[in-house]
């Protein structure tokens, strides 16, 4: 079934623009409207992504909470005419991010990066296909086409250390799993 905007009725993340400094009010207003209009089956999560930074206040260092994306609120929802209307006409909302009057959903890669950044999702750890002593070739980057032998594997960071020859000398290089291929 297609909705008002031509999207299949599926659960997606959308970005809502707000007045500067109104992000938390908009989040609270959307959540209140969802509850009062019984729309929990259409609008699921409303996020204002934040992180803490250390700032110096006089002689002390204090943590200050700052928004990743000032003037934006992220909403997970089924996009249809009613849910669009309820979110779009929430006080403080200036519109959806998209083309013209058609909101565009976020790509899944963007959602994944956002969730990892705010700590709601763990980064995917790649299983190494390498073992110490394996011969490898670099696929991309400065050392492209360099050959080497794996000397260390860091699965937490998805990195491999290997020795290769660079400018006539043996050099230890660290690279991501994805940058290498096993020979």
Protein backbone atom coordinates (compact mmCIF):
# COMPACT_ATOMS: atom_id res chain seq x y z
CA UNK A 1 0.00 0.00 0.00
CA UNK A 2 1.38 3.38 -0.98
CA UNK A 3 0.80 6.45 1.14
CA UNK A 4 0.32 10.14 0.45
CA UNK A 5 4.02 10.67 -0.34
CA UNK A 6 4.53 7.64 -2.56
CA UNK A 7 6.34 5.57 0.09
CA UNK A 8 5.28 2.13 1.13
CA UNK A 9 3.83 2.22 4.61
CA UNK A 10 6.97 1.18 6.47
CA UNK A 11 8.62 2.23 9.70
CA UNK A 12 11.36 4.78 8.83
CA UNK A 13 13.30 7.62 10.44
CA UNK A 14 12.61 11.20 9.35
CA UNK A 15 14.28 14.49 10.22
CA UNK A 16 12.13 17.37 11.45
CA UNK A 17 13.34 20.98 11.43
CA UNK A 18 12.58 23.15 14.47
CA UNK A 19 13.09 26.70 15.63
CA UNK A 20 16.52 27.23 17.21
CA UNK A 21 16.50 26.11 20.83
CA UNK A 22 13.09 24.42 20.56
CA UNK A 23 14.33 20.85 20.01
CA UNK A 24 13.41 19.55 23.49
CA UNK A 25 10.05 21.34 23.47
CA UNK A 26 9.25 19.88 20.07
CA UNK A 27 10.26 16.39 21.25
CA UNK A 28 8.04 16.71 24.33
CA UNK A 29 5.15 18.16 22.28
CA UNK A 30 5.32 15.38 19.68
CA UNK A 31 5.40 12.72 22.42
CA UNK A 32 2.45 14.37 24.18
CA UNK A 33 0.45 14.57 20.94
CA UNK A 34 1.22 10.92 20.14
CA UNK A 35 -0.12 9.87 23.54
CA UNK A 36 -3.21 12.11 23.52
CA UNK A 37 -4.18 11.15 19.94
CA UNK A 38 -3.39 7.46 20.49
CA UNK A 39 -0.82 7.35 17.68
CA UNK A 40 1.72 4.99 19.33
CA UNK A 41 1.15 2.58 16.43
CA UNK A 42 2.30 5.25 13.91
CA UNK A 43 4.96 7.33 15.67
CA UNK A 44 7.47 5.30 17.71
CA UNK A 45 10.49 7.32 18.83
CA UNK A 46 11.42 10.98 18.97
CA UNK A 47 15.10 11.80 19.52
CA UNK A 48 17.18 14.89 20.10
CA UNK A 49 20.71 13.41 19.81
CA UNK A 50 23.13 14.87 22.36
CA UNK A 51 26.61 14.30 23.68
CA UNK A 52 28.67 15.71 26.53
CA UNK A 53 31.67 17.95 26.09
CA UNK A 54 34.05 19.22 28.73
CA UNK A 55 34.11 23.01 29.11
CA UNK A 56 36.13 25.19 31.42
CA UNK A 57 34.05 27.29 33.79
CA UNK A 58 36.40 29.47 35.80
CA UNK A 59 38.96 27.08 37.27
CA UNK A 60 36.73 24.01 36.99
CA UNK A 61 36.02 21.71 34.11
CA UNK A 62 32.37 20.73 33.78
CA UNK A 63 30.44 18.55 31.38
CA UNK A 64 28.01 20.35 29.13
CA UNK A 65 25.34 18.57 27.14
CA UNK A 66 25.19 19.76 23.53
CA UNK A 67 23.02 18.72 20.59
CA UNK A 68 24.64 16.90 17.69
CA UNK A 69 22.25 18.59 15.25
CA UNK A 70 20.89 21.94 16.46
CA UNK A 71 17.42 22.73 15.03
CA UNK A 72 16.67 19.08 14.18
CA UNK A 73 14.63 16.32 15.81
CA UNK A 74 14.61 12.72 14.58
CA UNK A 75 11.29 10.84 14.43
CA UNK A 76 10.75 7.15 13.75
CA UNK A 77 7.31 6.72 12.22
CA UNK A 78 5.05 5.29 9.58
CA UNK A 79 4.57 8.14 7.15
CA UNK A 80 0.95 8.64 6.19
CA UNK A 81 -1.29 11.67 5.91
CA UNK A 82 -2.38 11.66 9.57
CA UNK A 83 1.03 11.02 11.14
CA UNK A 84 2.61 13.63 8.82
CA UNK A 85 -0.05 16.18 9.82
CA UNK A 86 0.35 15.55 13.55
CA UNK A 87 4.15 15.90 13.50
CA UNK A 88 4.25 18.73 10.94
CA UNK A 89 1.73 20.84 12.86
CA UNK A 90 3.39 20.44 16.26
CA UNK A 91 4.29 23.85 17.72
CA UNK A 92 7.92 24.70 16.98
CA UNK A 93 8.18 22.46 13.90
CA UNK A 94 9.09 24.29 10.70
CA UNK A 95 8.93 21.25 8.43
CA UNK A 96 10.39 17.91 7.43
CA UNK A 97 13.72 17.55 5.68
CA UNK A 98 12.99 16.53 2.11
CA UNK A 99 12.26 17.75 -1.33
CA UNK A 100 9.52 20.35 -1.41
CA UNK A 101 6.56 19.11 0.61
CA UNK A 102 7.69 15.48 0.46
CA UNK A 103 9.62 14.28 3.51
CA UNK A 104 12.53 11.98 2.71
CA UNK A 105 13.33 9.10 5.04
CA UNK A 106 16.87 8.70 6.31
CA UNK A 107 19.00 5.99 4.70
CA UNK A 108 19.65 3.00 6.95
CA UNK A 109 23.41 3.73 6.99
CA UNK A 110 22.67 7.22 8.36
CA UNK A 111 20.37 5.80 11.03
CA UNK A 112 23.01 3.24 12.04
CA UNK A 113 25.71 5.91 12.36
CA UNK A 114 23.38 8.12 14.41
CA UNK A 115 22.43 5.28 16.77
CA UNK A 116 26.08 4.33 17.26
CA UNK A 117 27.03 7.98 17.94
CA UNK A 118 24.38 8.37 20.66
CA UNK A 119 25.10 4.96 22.19
CA UNK A 120 21.82 3.24 21.28
CA UNK A 121 23.56 0.71 19.05
CA UNK A 122 26.88 -1.09 19.18
CA UNK A 123 29.12 -0.81 16.13
CA UNK A 124 29.28 -3.96 14.04
CA UNK A 125 32.52 -5.78 14.69
CA UNK A 126 33.86 -7.62 11.72
CA UNK A 127 35.11 -11.12 12.27
CA UNK A 128 38.70 -11.32 11.11
CA UNK A 129 39.38 -13.51 8.14
CA UNK A 130 43.08 -13.19 8.89
CA UNK A 131 45.46 -15.11 11.12
CA UNK A 132 48.91 -14.14 12.35
CA UNK A 133 51.41 -15.12 9.67
CA UNK A 134 48.95 -14.79 6.76
CA UNK A 135 50.11 -13.07 3.60
CA UNK A 136 47.92 -10.05 2.72
CA UNK A 137 47.63 -7.35 0.07
CA UNK A 138 46.40 -3.79 0.69
CA UNK A 139 43.38 -2.95 -1.51
CA UNK A 140 43.14 0.84 -0.94
CA UNK A 141 45.00 3.81 0.51
CA UNK A 142 48.61 4.97 0.57
CA UNK A 143 49.93 1.40 0.76
CA UNK A 144 47.68 0.11 -2.05
CA UNK A 145 49.05 -3.10 -3.63
CA UNK A 146 51.65 -3.49 -0.86
CA UNK A 147 52.18 -7.04 0.31
CA UNK A 148 52.79 -8.01 3.91
CA UNK A 149 52.58 -10.62 6.63
CA UNK A 150 50.08 -10.24 9.50
CA UNK A 151 51.85 -9.69 12.82
CA UNK A 152 48.92 -8.65 15.08
CA UNK A 153 45.10 -8.66 14.98
CA UNK A 154 42.92 -6.28 17.04
CA UNK A 155 39.35 -7.55 16.77
CA UNK A 156 37.96 -4.79 19.04
CA UNK A 157 39.05 -2.11 16.58
CA UNK A 158 38.84 -4.29 13.42
CA UNK A 159 42.53 -3.59 12.68
CA UNK A 160 45.45 -5.69 11.48
CA UNK A 161 49.15 -4.90 11.86
CA UNK A 162 51.45 -6.23 9.21
CA UNK A 163 55.00 -5.76 8.00
CA UNK A 164 55.68 -4.53 4.52
CA UNK A 165 58.53 -2.95 2.64
CA UNK A 166 58.25 0.82 2.16
CA UNK A 167 61.03 2.96 0.67
CA UNK A 168 63.42 0.05 0.95
CA UNK A 169 62.79 -0.57 4.66
CA UNK A 170 60.66 -3.00 6.67
CA UNK A 171 57.73 -0.99 8.06
CA UNK A 172 54.89 -1.97 10.40
CA UNK A 173 51.53 -0.74 9.11
CA UNK A 174 48.06 -0.85 10.70
CA UNK A 175 44.97 -1.12 8.50
CA UNK A 176 41.24 -1.91 8.77
CA UNK A 177 40.06 -5.41 7.94
CA UNK A 178 38.12 -4.00 4.99
CA UNK A 179 41.27 -2.50 3.43
CA UNK A 180 43.03 -5.85 3.13
CA UNK A 181 42.67 -9.10 1.26
CA UNK A 182 44.14 -12.46 2.16
CA UNK A 183 46.42 -14.03 -0.44
